[in-house]
Structures are given as structure tokens and as C-alpha cells.
Amino acid sequence: MNRRLKGGYMDRFYHPLFIAPGLIIFFIFFILPVVFGFGFSFTDWNQYLTEINFIGLKNFQEIFEDRVSMLALKNTLIFASVTTVGKNVLGLGLALILNTKLRGRTVWRAIYFCPAILSTIVVGLVFSAVLHPTGLLNDALTFVGLESLTRSWLTDKDIVMFTISAVEIWMYAGFHMAIYLAGLQSIPYDLLEAARIDGASPWQQFRYIIFPLIIPSFNINLIMSLIGGFKVFDMVYVLTNGGPGFASQVVSTMVYEAFGEGRWGYGTALNLVLFVIISFISLVVLNFFRKREVEY
């Protein structure tokens, strides 16, 4: 009997039973909302109507004809692109430096990682004061004789998205550094030592050995950066609330406003557009870099 249970039914259903609770939670809180959201995005669902009516692509037509919606899409793309490049370049650079035999490197790693564990609300409030026209940054530039570089960092519509992006990069570069460090520390020391003996320069070591072997870490960081960039809400909301005017409006803040106004069908349509963009770009990037992963 025990042998039958061990090699039969129990053995067959052992693993599915363990993952079932997680799958149920995932289905209820992710799959179902996505499916319902997909359906409601084609309706006029709002707080002013007692009935929900199917209206086809009207919500999407309104999105792509609305100047503010298109500006929000543009700002979201700018933010995702700038922060993805910034967080990965800075994170990788810090990881390469702090992976050497630098004195106090453990302390430096902790210092650079610390901003990632702070609340975005707290970071946003602090930088609102720092970036104020009479704030610390402009005062510091004036003090060192660089008054010409002072700006209205959060109220100039030409630079506001780049200012918010810089705050985001400062906050999360250390997080991505930690992932790159994990990848760097998994590289066999013998490979790098052999390359040095053969006369490879630091750039050649990075290009032909280090980077190909940390592609999995790069892949993870790139996808997380892109998804986080496209989904940005809290940093924009705290720093500018979409202003000045609509200059820093992003898709997530528009969704928030649409739901606040009771335009739930329109809000879910915006969410669906964002979901499609994130899914498409993430799959393309993931597929591109997975083909370039190196086993060792």
C-alpha cells in the first residue's frame, strides 16, 4: 500500500498540490482583474450610468486623439528610456568598482543600496525641497559660482521629466548594483586571471568575458527597469502631480485621474494600452538577450 502511494497517486500530485495555493492567489488577484479589465475597456463603464454598454474601440480612439493622453504616453516612454539607461549604466559601473578589493567596499555597497529601501513618498518630499527654485541644489550651484546652471527643476516643462528621472535613478541605481554584483561574483576567477596573463586589457576583459557572463543579470535588470519605468506613478505624483500643467503627466497618473473622475471604462482602456506596451517591449528585449546568454 505504502509503495503504491509513494510511486503512484501521491507521487503524481505531490508538486501540483504544493503550488496550488500560489496559483489560486495569482489567478484571483492578477488573471481575473486583467481579464475583467480587458472587457471593461470596451465599455462606457462610469459612475454616472446605471448600465454598462459596449462601445467598441471608442475609448481607445479617444486616447489616441487626446493631446494630453499622447503627451502622457510620450512622457512615459521618455521616463522609461532615461531611467533604464541611467539605472543600468550607473548600477553596472558601481558594481564593477565595488567588486574590486576596495577598502571599505562593504560599507560603500550598503550606502549605495540604502536609497532603494526608502519610501518613495519620503524621497519625493525630500527632493521637492532640494529641487525647489530656492532649494539646496540651486543654492549649492550659486555658492560654487555656477549660478548660470540653476533651474526651476520641477516647474520647467522642458526639463521636468528628466529631473524626475534623475531622482528615480538616484533611488534605484544601488538596487540594480546589487544584482550586477551577484552576477560578477559568480564569474570564475580563473577566467579573468587567464585573460590577464594573456595580456587582455580591462576593456577586453569586460567586453569578451565579464559582460557575456553577466547577461542574465543584465537581462533581469533591464526588464525590471523597463517595467518600473512604464508603471511609474508615485514619484511623479509626489514631485509634480503631473505638472506644470500636463508637462509631467504619465499614463499611470492619467489612469488615477480617470478613476477619480469616475471614468472607469476609459481608465481601464488606458491601463490596457500600458499593459500591451510593457508586454511587447519586455518580450522583445527578453528574447533578444536570452539568445546571447553564455553558459560556463
C-alpha atoms as a PDB file:
ATOM      1  CA  MET A   1       0.000   0.000   0.000  1.00  0.00           C
ATOM      2  CA  ASN A   2       2.753   2.450   1.007  1.00  0.00           C
ATOM      3  CA  ARG A   3       4.736   1.564  -2.080  1.00  0.00           C
ATOM      4  CA  ARG A   4       1.694   2.196  -4.252  1.00  0.00           C
ATOM      5  CA  LEU A   5       1.092   5.598  -2.646  1.00  0.00           C
ATOM      6  CA  LYS A   6       4.745   6.538  -2.923  1.00  0.00           C
ATOM      7  CA  GLY A   7       5.102   5.649  -6.585  1.00  0.00           C
ATOM      8  CA  GLY A   8       1.527   6.236  -7.700  1.00  0.00           C
ATOM      9  CA  TYR A   9      -1.105   8.850  -6.994  1.00  0.00           C
ATOM     10  CA  MET A  10       0.744  10.727  -4.239  1.00  0.00           C
ATOM     11  CA  ASP A  11       3.914  10.999  -6.281  1.00  0.00           C
ATOM     12  CA  ARG A  12       1.982  12.230  -9.289  1.00  0.00           C
ATOM     13  CA  PHE A  13       0.072  15.015  -7.470  1.00  0.00           C
ATOM     14  CA  TYR A  14       2.719  15.917  -4.897  1.00  0.00           C
ATOM     15  CA  HIS A  15       4.138  19.028  -6.628  1.00  0.00           C
ATOM     16  CA  PRO A  16       0.850  20.403  -8.070  1.00  0.00           C
ATOM     17  CA  LEU A  17      -0.688  20.373  -4.579  1.00  0.00           C
ATOM     18  CA  PHE A  18       2.141  22.479  -3.223  1.00  0.00           C
ATOM     19  CA  ILE A  19       1.905  25.149  -5.938  1.00  0.00           C
ATOM     20  CA  ALA A  20      -1.917  25.198  -5.998  1.00  0.00           C
ATOM     21  CA  PRO A  21      -2.337  27.914  -3.280  1.00  0.00           C
ATOM     22  CA  GLY A  22       0.042  30.251  -5.113  1.00  0.00           C
ATOM     23  CA  LEU A  23      -1.680  29.606  -8.437  1.00  0.00           C
ATOM     24  CA  ILE A  24      -5.101  30.294  -6.921  1.00  0.00           C
ATOM     25  CA  ILE A  25      -3.938  33.609  -5.426  1.00  0.00           C
ATOM     26  CA  PHE A  26      -2.276  34.570  -8.724  1.00  0.00           C
ATOM     27  CA  PHE A  27      -5.433  33.711 -10.651  1.00  0.00           C
ATOM     28  CA  ILE A  28      -7.744  35.686  -8.331  1.00  0.00           C
ATOM     29  CA  PHE A  29      -5.615  38.804  -7.904  1.00  0.00           C
ATOM     30  CA  PHE A  30      -3.907  39.003 -11.312  1.00  0.00           C
ATOM     31  CA  ILE A  31      -5.507  36.935 -14.072  1.00  0.00           C
ATOM     32  CA  LEU A  32      -9.123  37.798 -13.220  1.00  0.00           C
ATOM     33  CA  PRO A  33      -8.520  41.586 -12.932  1.00  0.00           C
ATOM     34  CA  VAL A  34      -6.655  41.533 -16.258  1.00  0.00           C
ATOM     35  CA  VAL A  35      -9.498  39.655 -17.967  1.00  0.00           C
ATOM     36  CA  PHE A  36     -12.206  41.902 -16.488  1.00  0.00           C
ATOM     37  CA  GLY A  37     -10.136  45.000 -17.253  1.00  0.00           C
ATOM     38  CA  PHE A  38      -9.771  43.872 -20.845  1.00  0.00           C
ATOM     39  CA  GLY A  39     -13.550  43.530 -21.112  1.00  0.00           C
ATOM     40  CA  PHE A  40     -14.418  46.814 -19.358  1.00  0.00           C
ATOM     41  CA  SER A  41     -12.015  48.781 -21.574  1.00  0.00           C
ATOM     42  CA  PHE A  42     -14.508  48.308 -24.429  1.00  0.00           C
ATOM     43  CA  THR A  43     -17.434  49.733 -22.420  1.00  0.00           C
ATOM     44  CA  ASP A  44     -18.684  53.125 -21.209  1.00  0.00           C
ATOM     45  CA  TRP A  45     -18.476  51.994 -17.567  1.00  0.00           C
ATOM     46  CA  ASN A  46     -18.611  55.061 -15.299  1.00  0.00           C
ATOM     47  CA  GLN A  47     -20.215  56.301 -12.109  1.00  0.00           C
ATOM     48  CA  TYR A  48     -22.871  58.365 -13.901  1.00  0.00           C
ATOM     49  CA  LEU A  49     -24.548  55.494 -15.782  1.00  0.00           C
ATOM     50  CA  THR A  50     -26.642  52.721 -14.293  1.00  0.00           C
ATOM     51  CA  GLU A  51     -25.893  50.371 -17.207  1.00  0.00           C
ATOM     52  CA  ILE A  52     -22.649  49.255 -18.754  1.00  0.00           C
ATOM     53  CA  ASN A  53     -22.785  49.426 -22.547  1.00  0.00           C
ATOM     54  CA  PHE A  54     -20.378  48.001 -25.114  1.00  0.00           C
ATOM     55  CA  ILE A  55     -18.875  50.853 -27.182  1.00  0.00           C
ATOM     56  CA  GLY A  56     -16.136  49.015 -29.089  1.00  0.00           C
ATOM     57  CA  LEU A  57     -12.923  50.951 -29.697  1.00  0.00           C
ATOM     58  CA  LYS A  58     -14.318  54.349 -28.726  1.00  0.00           C
ATOM     59  CA  ASN A  59     -12.201  54.595 -25.542  1.00  0.00           C
ATOM     60  CA  PHE A  60      -9.025  53.784 -27.479  1.00  0.00           C
ATOM     61  CA  GLN A  61      -9.975  56.264 -30.202  1.00  0.00           C
ATOM     62  CA  GLU A  62     -10.381  58.936 -27.528  1.00  0.00           C
ATOM     63  CA  ILE A  63      -6.986  58.057 -26.049  1.00  0.00           C
ATOM     64  CA  PHE A  64      -5.104  58.396 -29.334  1.00  0.00           C
ATOM     65  CA  GLU A  65      -6.976  61.566 -30.333  1.00  0.00           C
ATOM     66  CA  ASP A  66      -6.483  63.284 -26.977  1.00  0.00           C
ATOM     67  CA  ARG A  67      -3.425  65.573 -26.845  1.00  0.00           C
ATOM     68  CA  VAL A  68      -2.908  65.025 -23.094  1.00  0.00           C
ATOM     69  CA  SER A  69      -3.069  61.234 -23.425  1.00  0.00           C
ATOM     70  CA  MET A  70      -0.468  61.256 -26.176  1.00  0.00           C
ATOM     71  CA  LEU A  71       1.733  63.586 -24.116  1.00  0.00           C
ATOM     72  CA  ALA A  72       1.410  61.161 -21.186  1.00  0.00           C
ATOM     73  CA  LEU A  73       2.461  58.252 -23.438  1.00  0.00           C
ATOM     74  CA  LYS A  74       5.422  60.283 -24.682  1.00  0.00           C
ATOM     75  CA  ASN A  75       6.467  61.217 -21.133  1.00  0.00           C
ATOM     76  CA  THR A  76       6.163  57.599 -20.028  1.00  0.00           C
ATOM     77  CA  LEU A  77       8.421  56.470 -22.889  1.00  0.00           C
ATOM     78  CA  ILE A  78      10.956  59.196 -22.053  1.00  0.00           C
ATOM     79  CA  PHE A  79      10.957  58.294 -18.363  1.00  0.00           C
ATOM     80  CA  ALA A  80      11.263  54.540 -19.030  1.00  0.00           C
ATOM     81  CA  SER A  81      14.099  55.046 -21.540  1.00  0.00           C
ATOM     82  CA  VAL A  82      16.119  57.518 -19.456  1.00  0.00           C
ATOM     83  CA  THR A  83      15.760  55.617 -16.176  1.00  0.00           C
ATOM     84  CA  THR A  84      16.500  52.242 -17.773  1.00  0.00           C
ATOM     85  CA  VAL A  85      19.747  53.531 -19.277  1.00  0.00           C
ATOM     86  CA  GLY A  86      20.691  55.512 -16.172  1.00  0.00           C
ATOM     87  CA  LYS A  87      19.987  52.811 -13.597  1.00  0.00           C
ATOM     88  CA  ASN A  88      21.801  50.120 -15.571  1.00  0.00           C
ATOM     89  CA  VAL A  89      24.844  52.185 -16.559  1.00  0.00           C
ATOM     90  CA  LEU A  90      25.286  53.594 -13.058  1.00  0.00           C
ATOM     91  CA  GLY A  91      24.416  50.287 -11.365  1.00  0.00           C
ATOM     92  CA  LEU A  92      26.880  48.333 -13.504  1.00  0.00           C
ATOM     93  CA  GLY A  93      29.587  50.950 -13.004  1.00  0.00           C
ATOM     94  CA  LEU A  94      29.162  50.844  -9.222  1.00  0.00           C
ATOM     95  CA  ALA A  95      29.149  47.044  -9.270  1.00  0.00           C
ATOM     96  CA  LEU A  96      32.412  46.893 -11.242  1.00  0.00           C
ATOM     97  CA  ILE A  97      34.093  49.336  -8.852  1.00  0.00           C
ATOM     98  CA  LEU A  98      32.786  47.719  -5.672  1.00  0.00           C
ATOM     99  CA  ASN A  99      33.659  44.227  -6.893  1.00  0.00           C
ATOM    100  CA  THR A 100      37.362  45.113  -6.626  1.00  0.00           C
ATOM    101  CA  LYS A 101      39.478  44.951  -3.468  1.00  0.00           C
ATOM    102  CA  LEU A 102      38.408  48.447  -2.473  1.00  0.00           C
ATOM    103  CA  ARG A 103      38.864  49.398   1.155  1.00  0.00           C
ATOM    104  CA  GLY A 104      35.514  49.553   2.957  1.00  0.00           C
ATOM    105  CA  ARG A 105      33.670  48.165  -0.061  1.00  0.00           C
ATOM    106  CA  THR A 106      31.013  46.511   2.141  1.00  0.00           C
ATOM    107  CA  VAL A 107      30.163  49.870   3.692  1.00  0.00           C
ATOM    108  CA  TRP A 108      30.024  51.533   0.277  1.00  0.00           C
ATOM    109  CA  ARG A 109      27.745  48.805  -1.034  1.00  0.00           C
ATOM    110  CA  ALA A 110      25.355  49.377   1.871  1.00  0.00           C
ATOM    111  CA  ILE A 111      25.435  53.170   1.359  1.00  0.00           C
ATOM    112  CA  TYR A 112      24.579  52.924  -2.349  1.00  0.00           C
ATOM    113  CA  PHE A 113      21.867  50.319  -1.716  1.00  0.00           C
ATOM    114  CA  CYS A 114      20.154  52.249   1.100  1.00  0.00           C
ATOM    115  CA  PRO A 115      18.058  54.632  -1.083  1.00  0.00           C
ATOM    116  CA  ALA A 116      16.264  51.620  -2.602  1.00  0.00           C
ATOM    117  CA  ILE A 117      14.740  50.698   0.771  1.00  0.00           C
ATOM    118  CA  LEU A 118      13.394  54.188   1.451  1.00  0.00           C
ATOM    119  CA  SER A 119       9.767  55.126   0.862  1.00  0.00           C
ATOM    120  CA  THR A 120       9.175  56.826  -2.478  1.00  0.00           C
ATOM    121  CA  ILE A 121       6.950  59.335  -0.669  1.00  0.00           C
ATOM    122  CA  VAL A 122       9.798  60.294   1.663  1.00  0.00           C
ATOM    123  CA  VAL A 123      12.298  60.545  -1.210  1.00  0.00           C
ATOM    124  CA  GLY A 124       9.861  62.648  -3.223  1.00  0.00           C
ATOM    125  CA  LEU A 125       9.213  65.066  -0.361  1.00  0.00           C
ATOM    126  CA  VAL A 126      12.942  65.472   0.354  1.00  0.00           C
ATOM    127  CA  PHE A 127      13.773  66.136  -3.301  1.00  0.00           C
ATOM    128  CA  SER A 128      10.837  68.536  -3.621  1.00  0.00           C
ATOM    129  CA  ALA A 129      12.669  70.719  -1.107  1.00  0.00           C
ATOM    130  CA  VAL A 130      16.109  70.103  -2.644  1.00  0.00           C
ATOM    131  CA  LEU A 131      14.917  70.934  -6.182  1.00  0.00           C
ATOM    132  CA  HIS A 132      12.858  73.983  -5.241  1.00  0.00           C
ATOM    133  CA  PRO A 133      13.968  77.184  -7.053  1.00  0.00           C
ATOM    134  CA  THR A 134      15.340  78.409  -3.697  1.00  0.00           C
ATOM    135  CA  GLY A 135      16.305  74.908  -2.578  1.00  0.00           C
ATOM    136  CA  LEU A 136      19.580  73.234  -1.710  1.00  0.00           C
ATOM    137  CA  LEU A 137      20.652  72.362  -5.273  1.00  0.00           C
ATOM    138  CA  ASN A 138      20.348  75.888  -6.656  1.00  0.00           C
ATOM    139  CA  ASP A 139      21.929  77.330  -3.509  1.00  0.00           C
ATOM    140  CA  ALA A 140      24.876  74.943  -3.888  1.00  0.00           C
ATOM    141  CA  LEU A 141      25.332  75.838  -7.575  1.00  0.00           C
ATOM    142  CA  THR A 142      25.234  79.529  -6.729  1.00  0.00           C
ATOM    143  CA  PHE A 143      27.728  79.061  -3.882  1.00  0.00           C
ATOM    144  CA  VAL A 144      30.335  77.445  -6.170  1.00  0.00           C
ATOM    145  CA  GLY A 145      29.902  80.090  -8.873  1.00  0.00           C
ATOM    146  CA  LEU A 146      27.686  78.090 -11.233  1.00  0.00           C
ATOM    147  CA  GLU A 147      24.612  80.281 -10.936  1.00  0.00           C
ATOM    148  CA  SER A 148      24.064  80.018 -14.693  1.00  0.00           C
ATOM    149  CA  LEU A 149      23.193  76.335 -14.198  1.00  0.00           C
ATOM    150  CA  THR A 150      20.373  76.997 -11.731  1.00  0.00           C
ATOM    151  CA  ARG A 151      16.939  75.994 -12.978  1.00  0.00           C
ATOM    152  CA  SER A 152      13.339  75.661 -11.884  1.00  0.00           C
ATOM    153  CA  TRP A 153      13.867  71.916 -11.850  1.00  0.00           C
ATOM    154  CA  LEU A 154      10.281  70.868 -11.176  1.00  0.00           C
ATOM    155  CA  THR A 155       8.399  73.703 -12.870  1.00  0.00           C
ATOM    156  CA  ASP A 156      10.262  73.991 -16.173  1.00  0.00           C
ATOM    157  CA  LYS A 157       8.248  71.902 -18.643  1.00  0.00           C
ATOM    158  CA  ASP A 158      11.313  71.282 -20.839  1.00  0.00           C
ATOM    159  CA  ILE A 159      13.353  69.502 -18.147  1.00  0.00           C
ATOM    160  CA  VAL A 160      10.839  68.295 -15.562  1.00  0.00           C
ATOM    161  CA  MET A 161      10.696  64.690 -16.864  1.00  0.00           C
ATOM    162  CA  PHE A 162      14.490  64.474 -16.846  1.00  0.00           C
ATOM    163  CA  THR A 163      14.565  65.840 -13.301  1.00  0.00           C
ATOM    164  CA  ILE A 164      12.112  63.185 -12.106  1.00  0.00           C
ATOM    165  CA  SER A 165      14.111  60.549 -13.991  1.00  0.00           C
ATOM    166  CA  ALA A 166      17.298  61.650 -12.202  1.00  0.00           C
ATOM    167  CA  VAL A 167      15.633  61.220  -8.798  1.00  0.00           C
ATOM    168  CA  GLU A 168      14.439  57.738  -9.811  1.00  0.00           C
ATOM    169  CA  ILE A 169      17.946  56.790 -10.983  1.00  0.00           C
ATOM    170  CA  TRP A 170      19.463  58.030  -7.703  1.00  0.00           C
ATOM    171  CA  MET A 171      16.983  55.957  -5.731  1.00  0.00           C
ATOM    172  CA  TYR A 172      17.288  52.613  -7.553  1.00  0.00           C
ATOM    173  CA  ALA A 173      20.809  52.506  -9.036  1.00  0.00           C
ATOM    174  CA  GLY A 174      22.026  50.767  -5.864  1.00  0.00           C
ATOM    175  CA  PHE A 175      19.359  48.090  -6.177  1.00  0.00           C
ATOM    176  CA  HIS A 176      20.492  47.219  -9.695  1.00  0.00           C
ATOM    177  CA  MET A 177      24.105  47.386  -8.494  1.00  0.00           C
ATOM    178  CA  ALA A 178      23.351  44.549  -6.069  1.00  0.00           C
ATOM    179  CA  ILE A 179      22.027  42.335  -8.880  1.00  0.00           C
ATOM    180  CA  TYR A 180      25.071  43.070 -11.039  1.00  0.00           C
ATOM    181  CA  LEU A 181      27.339  42.297  -8.075  1.00  0.00           C
ATOM    182  CA  ALA A 182      25.703  38.887  -7.727  1.00  0.00           C
ATOM    183  CA  GLY A 183      26.426  38.228 -11.403  1.00  0.00           C
ATOM    184  CA  LEU A 184      30.021  39.447 -11.181  1.00  0.00           C
ATOM    185  CA  GLN A 185      30.768  37.328  -8.129  1.00  0.00           C
ATOM    186  CA  SER A 186      29.568  34.214  -9.944  1.00  0.00           C
ATOM    187  CA  ILE A 187      32.257  34.581 -12.634  1.00  0.00           C
ATOM    188  CA  PRO A 188      35.106  32.091 -12.076  1.00  0.00           C
ATOM    189  CA  TYR A 189      38.261  33.931 -11.028  1.00  0.00           C
ATOM    190  CA  ASP A 190      40.374  31.598 -13.203  1.00  0.00           C
ATOM    191  CA  LEU A 191      38.847  33.021 -16.384  1.00  0.00           C
ATOM    192  CA  LEU A 192      39.813  36.592 -15.533  1.00  0.00           C
ATOM    193  CA  GLU A 193      43.242  35.546 -14.303  1.00  0.00           C
ATOM    194  CA  ALA A 194      43.927  33.666 -17.537  1.00  0.00           C
ATOM    195  CA  ALA A 195      42.817  36.707 -19.549  1.00  0.00           C
ATOM    196  CA  ARG A 196      45.198  38.957 -17.605  1.00  0.00           C
ATOM    197  CA  ILE A 197      48.089  36.558 -18.163  1.00  0.00           C
ATOM    198  CA  ASP A 198      47.307  36.529 -21.896  1.00  0.00           C
ATOM    199  CA  GLY A 199      47.562  40.332 -21.904  1.00  0.00           C
ATOM    200  CA  ALA A 200      43.882  41.275 -22.168  1.00  0.00           C
ATOM    201  CA  SER A 201      43.188  44.881 -21.246  1.00  0.00           C
ATOM    202  CA  PRO A 202      40.455  45.760 -18.690  1.00  0.00           C
ATOM    203  CA  TRP A 203      38.139  46.760 -21.581  1.00  0.00           C
ATOM    204  CA  GLN A 204      38.797  43.463 -23.405  1.00  0.00           C
ATOM    205  CA  GLN A 205      38.133  41.524 -20.197  1.00  0.00           C
ATOM    206  CA  PHE A 206      34.826  43.354 -19.775  1.00  0.00           C
ATOM    207  CA  ARG A 207      33.755  43.017 -23.405  1.00  0.00           C
ATOM    208  CA  TYR A 208      34.672  39.391 -24.059  1.00  0.00           C
ATOM    209  CA  ILE A 209      34.416  37.765 -20.615  1.00  0.00           C
ATOM    210  CA  ILE A 210      32.588  39.790 -17.974  1.00  0.00           C
ATOM    211  CA  PHE A 211      29.633  41.180 -19.943  1.00  0.00           C
ATOM    212  CA  PRO A 212      28.740  37.930 -21.782  1.00  0.00           C
ATOM    213  CA  LEU A 213      28.737  36.091 -18.446  1.00  0.00           C
ATOM    214  CA  ILE A 214      26.526  38.645 -16.658  1.00  0.00           C
ATOM    215  CA  ILE A 215      23.910  38.778 -19.434  1.00  0.00           C
ATOM    216  CA  PRO A 216      21.387  37.004 -17.138  1.00  0.00           C
ATOM    217  CA  SER A 217      21.852  39.778 -14.532  1.00  0.00           C
ATOM    218  CA  PHE A 218      21.662  42.406 -17.262  1.00  0.00           C
ATOM    219  CA  ASN A 219      18.501  40.773 -18.572  1.00  0.00           C
ATOM    220  CA  ILE A 220      16.828  40.879 -15.164  1.00  0.00           C
ATOM    221  CA  ASN A 221      17.842  44.482 -14.533  1.00  0.00           C
ATOM    222  CA  LEU A 222      16.740  45.618 -17.977  1.00  0.00           C
ATOM    223  CA  ILE A 223      13.283  44.051 -17.704  1.00  0.00           C
ATOM    224  CA  MET A 224      12.755  45.343 -14.155  1.00  0.00           C
ATOM    225  CA  SER A 225      13.890  48.839 -15.176  1.00  0.00           C
ATOM    226  CA  LEU A 226      11.592  48.932 -18.193  1.00  0.00           C
ATOM    227  CA  ILE A 227       8.553  47.658 -16.308  1.00  0.00           C
ATOM    228  CA  GLY A 228       9.195  50.023 -13.390  1.00  0.00           C
ATOM    229  CA  GLY A 229       9.695  52.929 -15.786  1.00  0.00           C
ATOM    230  CA  PHE A 230       6.485  52.334 -17.690  1.00  0.00           C
ATOM    231  CA  LYS A 231       4.479  51.849 -14.481  1.00  0.00           C
ATOM    232  CA  VAL A 232       5.805  54.975 -12.754  1.00  0.00           C
ATOM    233  CA  PHE A 233       3.232  56.746 -10.628  1.00  0.00           C
ATOM    234  CA  ASP A 234       4.316  57.584  -7.089  1.00  0.00           C
ATOM    235  CA  MET A 235       7.498  59.523  -7.949  1.00  0.00           C
ATOM    236  CA  VAL A 236       5.644  61.725 -10.446  1.00  0.00           C
ATOM    237  CA  TYR A 237       2.654  62.143  -8.154  1.00  0.00           C
ATOM    238  CA  VAL A 238       4.749  63.269  -5.180  1.00  0.00           C
ATOM    239  CA  LEU A 239       7.165  65.534  -7.064  1.00  0.00           C
ATOM    240  CA  THR A 240       4.862  67.284  -9.540  1.00  0.00           C
ATOM    241  CA  ASN A 241       1.409  65.650  -9.585  1.00  0.00           C
ATOM    242  CA  GLY A 242       1.664  65.740 -13.374  1.00  0.00           C
ATOM    243  CA  GLY A 243       2.546  69.437 -13.576  1.00  0.00           C
ATOM    244  CA  PRO A 244       3.367  72.076 -14.508  1.00  0.00           C
ATOM    245  CA  GLY A 245       0.161  71.896 -16.494  1.00  0.00           C
ATOM    246  CA  PHE A 246       0.371  68.454 -18.081  1.00  0.00           C
ATOM    247  CA  ALA A 247       4.145  68.574 -18.703  1.00  0.00           C
ATOM    248  CA  SER A 248       4.964  65.583 -16.474  1.00  0.00           C
ATOM    249  CA  GLN A 249       1.735  63.652 -16.885  1.00  0.00           C
ATOM    250  CA  VAL A 250       2.320  59.915 -17.359  1.00  0.00           C
ATOM    251  CA  VAL A 251      -0.057  57.073 -18.168  1.00  0.00           C
ATOM    252  CA  SER A 252      -0.435  55.902 -14.560  1.00  0.00           C
ATOM    253  CA  THR A 253      -1.329  59.391 -13.299  1.00  0.00           C
ATOM    254  CA  MET A 254      -3.903  59.649 -16.093  1.00  0.00           C
ATOM    255  CA  VAL A 255      -5.376  56.304 -15.047  1.00  0.00           C
ATOM    256  CA  TYR A 256      -5.541  57.570 -11.456  1.00  0.00           C
ATOM    257  CA  GLU A 257      -7.317  60.748 -12.544  1.00  0.00           C
ATOM    258  CA  ALA A 258      -9.713  58.846 -14.818  1.00  0.00           C
ATOM    259  CA  PHE A 259     -10.763  56.531 -11.983  1.00  0.00           C
ATOM    260  CA  GLY A 260     -11.019  59.516  -9.620  1.00  0.00           C
ATOM    261  CA  GLU A 261     -13.404  61.178 -12.075  1.00  0.00           C
ATOM    262  CA  GLY A 262     -15.490  58.007 -12.310  1.00  0.00           C
ATOM    263  CA  ARG A 263     -14.476  57.248 -15.927  1.00  0.00           C
ATOM    264  CA  TRP A 264     -13.699  53.625 -15.180  1.00  0.00           C
ATOM    265  CA  GLY A 265     -14.026  52.292 -18.733  1.00  0.00           C
ATOM    266  CA  TYR A 266     -11.624  54.932 -20.049  1.00  0.00           C
ATOM    267  CA  GLY A 267      -9.222  54.250 -17.179  1.00  0.00           C
ATOM    268  CA  THR A 268      -9.141  50.510 -17.876  1.00  0.00           C
ATOM    269  CA  ALA A 269      -8.555  51.255 -21.574  1.00  0.00           C
ATOM    270  CA  LEU A 270      -5.505  53.355 -20.626  1.00  0.00           C
ATOM    271  CA  ASN A 271      -4.303  50.532 -18.418  1.00  0.00           C
ATOM    272  CA  LEU A 272      -4.719  48.056 -21.261  1.00  0.00           C
ATOM    273  CA  VAL A 273      -2.662  50.243 -23.609  1.00  0.00           C
ATOM    274  CA  LEU A 274       0.094  50.376 -20.985  1.00  0.00           C
ATOM    275  CA  PHE A 275      -0.137  46.600 -20.448  1.00  0.00           C
ATOM    276  CA  VAL A 276       0.260  45.907 -24.174  1.00  0.00           C
ATOM    277  CA  ILE A 277       3.250  48.259 -24.477  1.00  0.00           C
ATOM    278  CA  ILE A 278       5.011  46.745 -21.455  1.00  0.00           C
ATOM    279  CA  SER A 279       4.325  43.164 -22.580  1.00  0.00           C
ATOM    280  CA  PHE A 280       5.524  43.748 -26.150  1.00  0.00           C
ATOM    281  CA  ILE A 281       8.749  45.576 -25.229  1.00  0.00           C
ATOM    282  CA  SER A 282       9.577  43.167 -22.395  1.00  0.00           C
ATOM    283  CA  LEU A 283       9.114  40.080 -24.583  1.00  0.00           C
ATOM    284  CA  VAL A 284      11.238  41.559 -27.383  1.00  0.00           C
ATOM    285  CA  VAL A 285      14.052  42.544 -25.005  1.00  0.00           C
ATOM    286  CA  LEU A 286      13.888  39.250 -23.108  1.00  0.00           C
ATOM    287  CA  ASN A 287      14.019  37.188 -26.281  1.00  0.00           C
ATOM    288  CA  PHE A 288      16.891  39.279 -27.705  1.00  0.00           C
ATOM    289  CA  PHE A 289      19.186  38.930 -24.698  1.00  0.00           C
ATOM    290  CA  ARG A 290      18.292  35.340 -23.826  1.00  0.00           C
ATOM    291  CA  LYS A 291      19.802  34.259 -27.142  1.00  0.00           C
ATOM    292  CA  ARG A 292      23.042  35.915 -26.070  1.00  0.00           C
ATOM    293  CA  GLU A 293      23.396  34.272 -22.677  1.00  0.00           C
ATOM    294  CA  VAL A 294      26.615  32.297 -22.197  1.00  0.00           C
ATOM    295  CA  GLU A 295      26.922  29.140 -20.136  1.00  0.00           C
ATOM    296  CA  TYR A 296      30.088  28.324 -18.227  1.00  0.00           C
END
